[in-house]
PDB file of all heavy atoms in Angstrom:
ATOM      1  N   TYR A   1       8.373   2.918  -6.662  1.00  0.00           N
ATOM      2  CA  TYR A   1       7.439   2.546  -7.712  1.00  0.00           C
ATOM      3  C   TYR A   1       6.506   1.371  -7.260  1.00  0.00           C
ATOM      4  O   TYR A   1       5.262   1.441  -7.570  1.00  0.00           O
ATOM      5  CB  TYR A   1       8.190   2.086  -8.985  1.00  0.00           C
ATOM      6  CG  TYR A   1       8.809   3.241  -9.758  1.00  0.00           C
ATOM      7  CD1 TYR A   1      10.132   3.592  -9.677  1.00  0.00           C
ATOM      8  CD2 TYR A   1       7.994   4.020 -10.594  1.00  0.00           C
ATOM      9  CE1 TYR A   1      10.627   4.625 -10.392  1.00  0.00           C
ATOM     10  CE2 TYR A   1       8.493   5.051 -11.351  1.00  0.00           C
ATOM     11  CZ  TYR A   1       9.844   5.415 -11.251  1.00  0.00           C
ATOM     12  OH  TYR A   1      10.350   6.453 -11.941  1.00  0.00           O
ATOM     13  N   ASN A   2       6.952   0.469  -6.567  1.00  0.00           N
ATOM     14  CA  ASN A   2       6.130  -0.620  -6.037  1.00  0.00           C
ATOM     15  C   ASN A   2       5.038  -0.067  -5.082  1.00  0.00           C
ATOM     16  O   ASN A   2       3.895  -0.464  -5.242  1.00  0.00           O
ATOM     17  CB  ASN A   2       6.910  -1.619  -5.325  1.00  0.00           C
ATOM     18  CG  ASN A   2       7.895  -2.426  -6.198  1.00  0.00           C
ATOM     19  OD1 ASN A   2       7.729  -2.502  -7.379  1.00  0.00           O
ATOM     20  ND2 ASN A   2       9.006  -2.950  -5.580  1.00  0.00           N
ATOM     21  N   VAL A   3       5.439   0.874  -4.233  1.00  0.00           N
ATOM     22  CA  VAL A   3       4.456   1.522  -3.337  1.00  0.00           C
ATOM     23  C   VAL A   3       3.441   2.286  -4.126  1.00  0.00           C
ATOM     24  O   VAL A   3       2.233   2.211  -3.861  1.00  0.00           O
ATOM     25  CB  VAL A   3       5.223   2.423  -2.371  1.00  0.00           C
ATOM     26  CG1 VAL A   3       4.213   3.343  -1.599  1.00  0.00           C
ATOM     27  CG2 VAL A   3       5.988   1.573  -1.380  1.00  0.00           C
ATOM     28  N   LEU A   4       3.814   3.055  -5.142  1.00  0.00           N
ATOM     29  CA  LEU A   4       2.906   3.836  -5.912  1.00  0.00           C
ATOM     30  C   LEU A   4       1.907   2.929  -6.665  1.00  0.00           C
ATOM     31  O   LEU A   4       0.682   3.215  -6.721  1.00  0.00           O
ATOM     32  CB  LEU A   4       3.676   4.601  -6.991  1.00  0.00           C
ATOM     33  CG  LEU A   4       4.502   5.850  -6.492  1.00  0.00           C
ATOM     34  CD1 LEU A   4       5.373   6.387  -7.634  1.00  0.00           C
ATOM     35  CD2 LEU A   4       3.540   6.880  -5.982  1.00  0.00           C
ATOM     36  N   ALA A   5       2.413   1.764  -7.140  1.00  0.00           N
ATOM     37  CA  ALA A   5       1.533   0.829  -7.867  1.00  0.00           C
ATOM     38  C   ALA A   5       0.516   0.226  -6.856  1.00  0.00           C
ATOM     39  O   ALA A   5      -0.744   0.160  -7.164  1.00  0.00           O
ATOM     40  CB  ALA A   5       2.331  -0.289  -8.458  1.00  0.00           C
ATOM     41  N   ALA A   6       0.977  -0.186  -5.652  1.00  0.00           N
ATOM     42  CA  ALA A   6       0.094  -0.739  -4.683  1.00  0.00           C
ATOM     43  C   ALA A   6      -1.027   0.311  -4.223  1.00  0.00           C
ATOM     44  O   ALA A   6      -2.139   0.009  -4.094  1.00  0.00           O
ATOM     45  CB  ALA A   6       0.877  -1.276  -3.528  1.00  0.00           C
ATOM     46  N   ALA A   7      -0.466   1.508  -3.958  1.00  0.00           N
ATOM     47  CA  ALA A   7      -1.410   2.546  -3.467  1.00  0.00           C
ATOM     48  C   ALA A   7      -2.438   2.882  -4.569  1.00  0.00           C
ATOM     49  O   ALA A   7      -3.662   3.088  -4.229  1.00  0.00           O
ATOM     50  CB  ALA A   7      -0.583   3.822  -3.081  1.00  0.00           C
ATOM     51  N   GLY A   8      -2.031   2.953  -5.777  1.00  0.00           N
ATOM     52  CA  GLY A   8      -2.937   3.245  -6.898  1.00  0.00           C
ATOM     53  C   GLY A   8      -4.047   2.233  -6.992  1.00  0.00           C
ATOM     54  O   GLY A   8      -5.221   2.579  -7.145  1.00  0.00           O
ATOM     55  N   ALA A   9      -3.673   0.950  -6.883  1.00  0.00           N
ATOM     56  CA  ALA A   9      -4.635  -0.138  -6.963  1.00  0.00           C
ATOM     57  C   ALA A   9      -5.593  -0.079  -5.804  1.00  0.00           C
ATOM     58  O   ALA A   9      -6.831  -0.259  -5.918  1.00  0.00           O
ATOM     59  CB  ALA A   9      -3.947  -1.454  -6.966  1.00  0.00           C
ATOM     60  N   MET A  10      -5.063   0.233  -4.634  1.00  0.00           N
ATOM     61  CA  MET A  10      -5.901   0.237  -3.388  1.00  0.00           C
ATOM     62  C   MET A  10      -6.862   1.437  -3.417  1.00  0.00           C
ATOM     63  O   MET A  10      -8.005   1.379  -2.954  1.00  0.00           O
ATOM     64  CB  MET A  10      -5.082   0.265  -2.213  1.00  0.00           C
ATOM     65  CG  MET A  10      -4.299  -1.056  -1.988  1.00  0.00           C
ATOM     66  SD  MET A  10      -5.341  -2.507  -1.732  1.00  0.00           S
ATOM     67  CE  MET A  10      -5.736  -3.001  -3.435  1.00  0.00           C
ATOM     68  N   LEU A  11      -6.351   2.571  -3.902  1.00  0.00           N
ATOM     69  CA  LEU A  11      -7.334   3.723  -4.019  1.00  0.00           C
ATOM     70  C   LEU A  11      -8.401   3.459  -5.068  1.00  0.00           C
ATOM     71  O   LEU A  11      -9.580   3.756  -4.850  1.00  0.00           O
ATOM     72  CB  LEU A  11      -6.518   4.966  -4.472  1.00  0.00           C
ATOM     73  CG  LEU A  11      -5.578   5.585  -3.384  1.00  0.00           C
ATOM     74  CD1 LEU A  11      -4.670   6.598  -3.941  1.00  0.00           C
ATOM     75  CD2 LEU A  11      -6.399   6.159  -2.254  1.00  0.00           C
ATOM     76  N   ALA A  12      -8.037   2.769  -6.101  1.00  0.00           N
ATOM     77  CA  ALA A  12      -9.013   2.381  -7.150  1.00  0.00           C
ATOM     78  C   ALA A  12     -10.030   1.403  -6.610  1.00  0.00           C
ATOM     79  O   ALA A  12     -11.238   1.371  -6.929  1.00  0.00           O
ATOM     80  CB  ALA A  12      -8.306   1.663  -8.346  1.00  0.00           C
ATOM     81  N   GLU A  13      -9.569   0.563  -5.627  1.00  0.00           N
ATOM     82  CA  GLU A  13     -10.474  -0.395  -4.967  1.00  0.00           C
ATOM     83  C   GLU A  13     -11.233   0.147  -3.765  1.00  0.00           C
ATOM     84  O   GLU A  13     -11.842  -0.506  -3.028  1.00  0.00           O
ATOM     85  CB  GLU A  13      -9.711  -1.655  -4.558  1.00  0.00           C
ATOM     86  CG  GLU A  13      -9.236  -2.509  -5.760  1.00  0.00           C
ATOM     87  CD  GLU A  13     -10.304  -3.201  -6.508  1.00  0.00           C
ATOM     88  OE1 GLU A  13     -11.480  -3.347  -5.903  1.00  0.00           O
ATOM     89  OE2 GLU A  13     -10.133  -3.630  -7.621  1.00  0.00           O
ATOM     90  N   LYS A  14     -11.116   1.517  -3.614  1.00  0.00           N
ATOM     91  CA  LYS A  14     -11.793   2.225  -2.575  1.00  0.00           C
ATOM     92  C   LYS A  14     -11.340   1.926  -1.162  1.00  0.00           C
ATOM     93  O   LYS A  14     -12.194   1.977  -0.157  1.00  0.00           O
ATOM     94  CB  LYS A  14     -13.304   2.053  -2.667  1.00  0.00           C
ATOM     95  CG  LYS A  14     -13.867   2.169  -4.089  1.00  0.00           C
ATOM     96  CD  LYS A  14     -13.532   3.512  -4.710  1.00  0.00           C
ATOM     97  CE  LYS A  14     -14.132   3.652  -6.069  1.00  0.00           C
ATOM     98  NZ  LYS A  14     -13.714   4.873  -6.778  1.00  0.00           N
ATOM     99  N   ILE A  15     -10.069   1.513  -0.908  1.00  0.00           N
ATOM    100  CA  ILE A  15      -9.578   1.340   0.406  1.00  0.00           C
ATOM    101  C   ILE A  15      -9.238   2.647   1.002  1.00  0.00           C
ATOM    102  O   ILE A  15      -8.616   3.532   0.339  1.00  0.00           O
ATOM    103  CB  ILE A  15      -8.305   0.389   0.418  1.00  0.00           C
ATOM    104  CG1 ILE A  15      -8.594  -0.930  -0.321  1.00  0.00           C
ATOM    105  CG2 ILE A  15      -7.838   0.152   1.759  1.00  0.00           C
ATOM    106  CD1 ILE A  15      -9.725  -1.728   0.289  1.00  0.00           C
ATOM    107  N   PRO A  16      -9.658   2.973   2.241  1.00  0.00           N
ATOM    108  CA  PRO A  16      -9.388   4.244   2.822  1.00  0.00           C
ATOM    109  C   PRO A  16      -7.934   4.586   2.881  1.00  0.00           C
ATOM    110  O   PRO A  16      -7.055   3.755   3.244  1.00  0.00           O
ATOM    111  CB  PRO A  16      -9.967   4.122   4.301  1.00  0.00           C
ATOM    112  CG  PRO A  16     -10.933   3.011   4.153  1.00  0.00           C
ATOM    113  CD  PRO A  16     -10.434   2.105   3.161  1.00  0.00           C
ATOM    114  N   PRO A  17      -7.575   5.831   2.530  1.00  0.00           N
ATOM    115  CA  PRO A  17      -6.143   6.245   2.549  1.00  0.00           C
ATOM    116  C   PRO A  17      -5.369   6.000   3.836  1.00  0.00           C
ATOM    117  O   PRO A  17      -4.254   5.659   3.828  1.00  0.00           O
ATOM    118  CB  PRO A  17      -6.168   7.748   2.211  1.00  0.00           C
ATOM    119  CG  PRO A  17      -7.514   7.884   1.437  1.00  0.00           C
ATOM    120  CD  PRO A  17      -8.435   6.897   2.055  1.00  0.00           C
ATOM    121  N   ASN A  18      -6.066   6.135   4.951  1.00  0.00           N
ATOM    122  CA  ASN A  18      -5.367   5.967   6.329  1.00  0.00           C
ATOM    123  C   ASN A  18      -4.984   4.507   6.462  1.00  0.00           C
ATOM    124  O   ASN A  18      -3.965   4.187   7.070  1.00  0.00           O
ATOM    125  CB  ASN A  18      -6.225   6.486   7.454  1.00  0.00           C
ATOM    126  CG  ASN A  18      -7.525   5.633   7.515  1.00  0.00           C
ATOM    127  OD1 ASN A  18      -8.300   5.513   6.594  1.00  0.00           O
ATOM    128  ND2 ASN A  18      -7.814   5.216   8.743  1.00  0.00           N
ATOM    129  N   VAL A  19      -5.797   3.615   5.921  1.00  0.00           N
ATOM    130  CA  VAL A  19      -5.433   2.160   5.990  1.00  0.00           C
ATOM    131  C   VAL A  19      -4.257   1.863   5.051  1.00  0.00           C
ATOM    132  O   VAL A  19      -3.321   1.107   5.433  1.00  0.00           O
ATOM    133  CB  VAL A  19      -6.663   1.252   5.581  1.00  0.00           C
ATOM    134  CG1 VAL A  19      -6.325  -0.208   5.503  1.00  0.00           C
ATOM    135  CG2 VAL A  19      -7.854   1.494   6.520  1.00  0.00           C
ATOM    136  N   ILE A  20      -4.239   2.442   3.873  1.00  0.00           N
ATOM    137  CA  ILE A  20      -3.129   2.293   2.967  1.00  0.00           C
ATOM    138  C   ILE A  20      -1.858   2.749   3.573  1.00  0.00           C
ATOM    139  O   ILE A  20      -0.816   2.021   3.561  1.00  0.00           O
ATOM    140  CB  ILE A  20      -3.378   3.067   1.651  1.00  0.00           C
ATOM    141  CG1 ILE A  20      -4.663   2.498   0.893  1.00  0.00           C
ATOM    142  CG2 ILE A  20      -2.174   3.007   0.753  1.00  0.00           C
ATOM    143  CD1 ILE A  20      -5.121   3.296  -0.266  1.00  0.00           C
ATOM    144  N   LYS A  21      -1.892   3.934   4.187  1.00  0.00           N
ATOM    145  CA  LYS A  21      -0.674   4.528   4.823  1.00  0.00           C
ATOM    146  C   LYS A  21      -0.146   3.660   5.904  1.00  0.00           C
ATOM    147  O   LYS A  21       1.036   3.351   5.997  1.00  0.00           O
ATOM    148  CB  LYS A  21      -1.071   5.916   5.334  1.00  0.00           C
ATOM    149  CG  LYS A  21       0.135   6.577   6.098  1.00  0.00           C
ATOM    150  CD  LYS A  21      -0.357   7.989   6.636  1.00  0.00           C
ATOM    151  CE  LYS A  21       0.652   8.522   7.661  1.00  0.00           C
ATOM    152  NZ  LYS A  21       1.989   8.882   7.069  1.00  0.00           N
ATOM    153  N   SER A  22      -1.047   3.235   6.877  1.00  0.00           N
ATOM    154  CA  SER A  22      -0.696   2.438   7.966  1.00  0.00           C
ATOM    155  C   SER A  22      -0.032   1.091   7.520  1.00  0.00           C
ATOM    156  O   SER A  22       0.990   0.696   8.007  1.00  0.00           O
ATOM    157  CB  SER A  22      -1.867   2.176   8.910  1.00  0.00           C
ATOM    158  OG  SER A  22      -1.543   1.328   9.947  1.00  0.00           O
ATOM    159  N   ALA A  23      -0.710   0.439   6.563  1.00  0.00           N
ATOM    160  CA  ALA A  23      -0.211  -0.886   6.064  1.00  0.00           C
ATOM    161  C   ALA A  23       1.163  -0.777   5.410  1.00  0.00           C
ATOM    162  O   ALA A  23       2.046  -1.636   5.689  1.00  0.00           O
ATOM    163  CB  ALA A  23      -1.209  -1.535   5.158  1.00  0.00           C
ATOM    164  N   LEU A  24       1.341   0.242   4.619  1.00  0.00           N
ATOM    165  CA  LEU A  24       2.576   0.421   3.874  1.00  0.00           C
ATOM    166  C   LEU A  24       3.761   0.745   4.910  1.00  0.00           C
ATOM    167  O   LEU A  24       4.837   0.295   4.751  1.00  0.00           O
ATOM    168  CB  LEU A  24       2.442   1.488   2.823  1.00  0.00           C
ATOM    169  CG  LEU A  24       1.663   1.090   1.565  1.00  0.00           C
ATOM    170  CD1 LEU A  24       1.438   2.310   0.680  1.00  0.00           C
ATOM    171  CD2 LEU A  24       2.341   0.013   0.848  1.00  0.00           C
ATOM    172  N   GLU A  25       3.418   1.579   5.881  1.00  0.00           N
ATOM    173  CA  GLU A  25       4.435   1.973   6.860  1.00  0.00           C
ATOM    174  C   GLU A  25       4.804   0.856   7.789  1.00  0.00           C
ATOM    175  O   GLU A  25       5.858   0.856   8.405  1.00  0.00           O
ATOM    176  CB  GLU A  25       3.986   3.170   7.614  1.00  0.00           C
ATOM    177  CG  GLU A  25       3.909   4.450   6.807  1.00  0.00           C
ATOM    178  CD  GLU A  25       3.704   5.706   7.535  1.00  0.00           C
ATOM    179  OE1 GLU A  25       2.978   5.652   8.604  1.00  0.00           O
ATOM    180  OE2 GLU A  25       4.129   6.777   7.084  1.00  0.00           O
ATOM    181  N   ASN A  26       3.910  -0.180   7.921  1.00  0.00           N
ATOM    182  CA  ASN A  26       4.201  -1.428   8.716  1.00  0.00           C
ATOM    183  C   ASN A  26       4.798  -2.493   7.874  1.00  0.00           C
ATOM    184  O   ASN A  26       5.305  -3.489   8.432  1.00  0.00           O
ATOM    185  CB  ASN A  26       2.966  -1.879   9.382  1.00  0.00           C
ATOM    186  CG  ASN A  26       2.584  -0.999  10.533  1.00  0.00           C
ATOM    187  OD1 ASN A  26       3.437  -0.592  11.375  1.00  0.00           O
ATOM    188  ND2 ASN A  26       1.271  -0.722  10.689  1.00  0.00           N
ATOM    189  N   PHE A  27       4.863  -2.363   6.592  1.00  0.00           N
ATOM    190  CA  PHE A  27       5.350  -3.415   5.658  1.00  0.00           C
ATOM    191  C   PHE A  27       6.898  -3.503   5.779  1.00  0.00           C
ATOM    192  O   PHE A  27       7.601  -2.462   5.664  1.00  0.00           O
ATOM    193  CB  PHE A  27       4.917  -3.131   4.238  1.00  0.00           C
ATOM    194  CG  PHE A  27       5.367  -4.162   3.189  1.00  0.00           C
ATOM    195  CD1 PHE A  27       4.481  -5.246   3.031  1.00  0.00           C
ATOM    196  CD2 PHE A  27       6.468  -4.089   2.506  1.00  0.00           C
ATOM    197  CE1 PHE A  27       4.787  -6.270   2.127  1.00  0.00           C
ATOM    198  CE2 PHE A  27       6.794  -5.017   1.531  1.00  0.00           C
ATOM    199  CZ  PHE A  27       5.967  -6.097   1.426  1.00  0.00           C
ATOM    200  N   LYS A  28       7.470  -4.694   5.939  1.00  0.00           N
ATOM    201  CA  LYS A  28       8.842  -4.850   6.139  1.00  0.00           C
ATOM    202  C   LYS A  28       9.602  -5.181   4.792  1.00  0.00           C
ATOM    203  O   LYS A  28      10.292  -4.396   4.213  1.00  0.00           O
ATOM    204  CB  LYS A  28       9.223  -5.892   7.163  1.00  0.00           C
ATOM    205  CG  LYS A  28       8.606  -5.504   8.540  1.00  0.00           C
ATOM    206  CD  LYS A  28       9.355  -4.299   9.129  1.00  0.00           C
ATOM    207  CE  LYS A  28       9.045  -4.099  10.601  1.00  0.00           C
ATOM    208  NZ  LYS A  28       7.638  -3.722  10.903  1.00  0.00           N
ATOM    209  N   SER A  29       9.351  -6.373   4.342  1.00  0.00           N
ATOM    210  CA  SER A  29      10.112  -6.864   3.093  1.00  0.00           C
ATOM    211  C   SER A  29       9.451  -8.156   2.630  1.00  0.00           C
ATOM    212  O   SER A  29       8.598  -8.746   3.278  1.00  0.00           O
ATOM    213  CB  SER A  29      11.534  -6.989   3.332  1.00  0.00           C
ATOM    214  OG  SER A  29      11.841  -8.030   4.186  1.00  0.00           O
ATOM    215  N   VAL A  30       9.899  -8.588   1.504  1.00  0.00           N
ATOM    216  CA  VAL A  30       9.510  -9.911   0.987  1.00  0.00           C
ATOM    217  C   VAL A  30      10.815 -10.751   0.858  1.00  0.00           C
ATOM    218  O   VAL A  30      11.856 -10.235   0.532  1.00  0.00           O
ATOM    219  CB  VAL A  30       8.882  -9.786  -0.434  1.00  0.00           C
ATOM    220  CG1 VAL A  30       8.523 -11.127  -0.989  1.00  0.00           C
ATOM    221  CG2 VAL A  30       7.688  -8.897  -0.296  1.00  0.00           C
ATOM    222  N   HIS A  31      10.742 -12.065   1.157  1.00  0.00           N
ATOM    223  CA  HIS A  31      11.883 -12.881   1.126  1.00  0.00           C
ATOM    224  C   HIS A  31      12.585 -12.843  -0.242  1.00  0.00           C
ATOM    225  O   HIS A  31      11.926 -12.900  -1.255  1.00  0.00           O
ATOM    226  CB  HIS A  31      11.497 -14.368   1.359  1.00  0.00           C
ATOM    227  CG  HIS A  31      11.184 -14.719   2.745  1.00  0.00           C
ATOM    228  ND1 HIS A  31      11.897 -14.225   3.797  1.00  0.00           N
ATOM    229  CD2 HIS A  31      10.184 -15.417   3.307  1.00  0.00           C
ATOM    230  CE1 HIS A  31      11.393 -14.648   4.964  1.00  0.00           C
ATOM    231  NE2 HIS A  31      10.363 -15.323   4.737  1.00  0.00           N
ATOM    232  N   GLY A  32      13.908 -12.572  -0.178  1.00  0.00           N
ATOM    233  CA  GLY A  32      14.649 -12.575  -1.396  1.00  0.00           C
ATOM    234  C   GLY A  32      14.584 -11.243  -2.194  1.00  0.00           C
ATOM    235  O   GLY A  32      15.099 -11.159  -3.282  1.00  0.00           O
TER     236      GLY A  32
END
């Protein structure tokens, strides 16, 4: 759900899908 929310916002902000995919696949975690 967090990924869907982030992707939706980024598509709305006209960020290229390949950038969204690459960044999400490189994302590790948040402290805690």
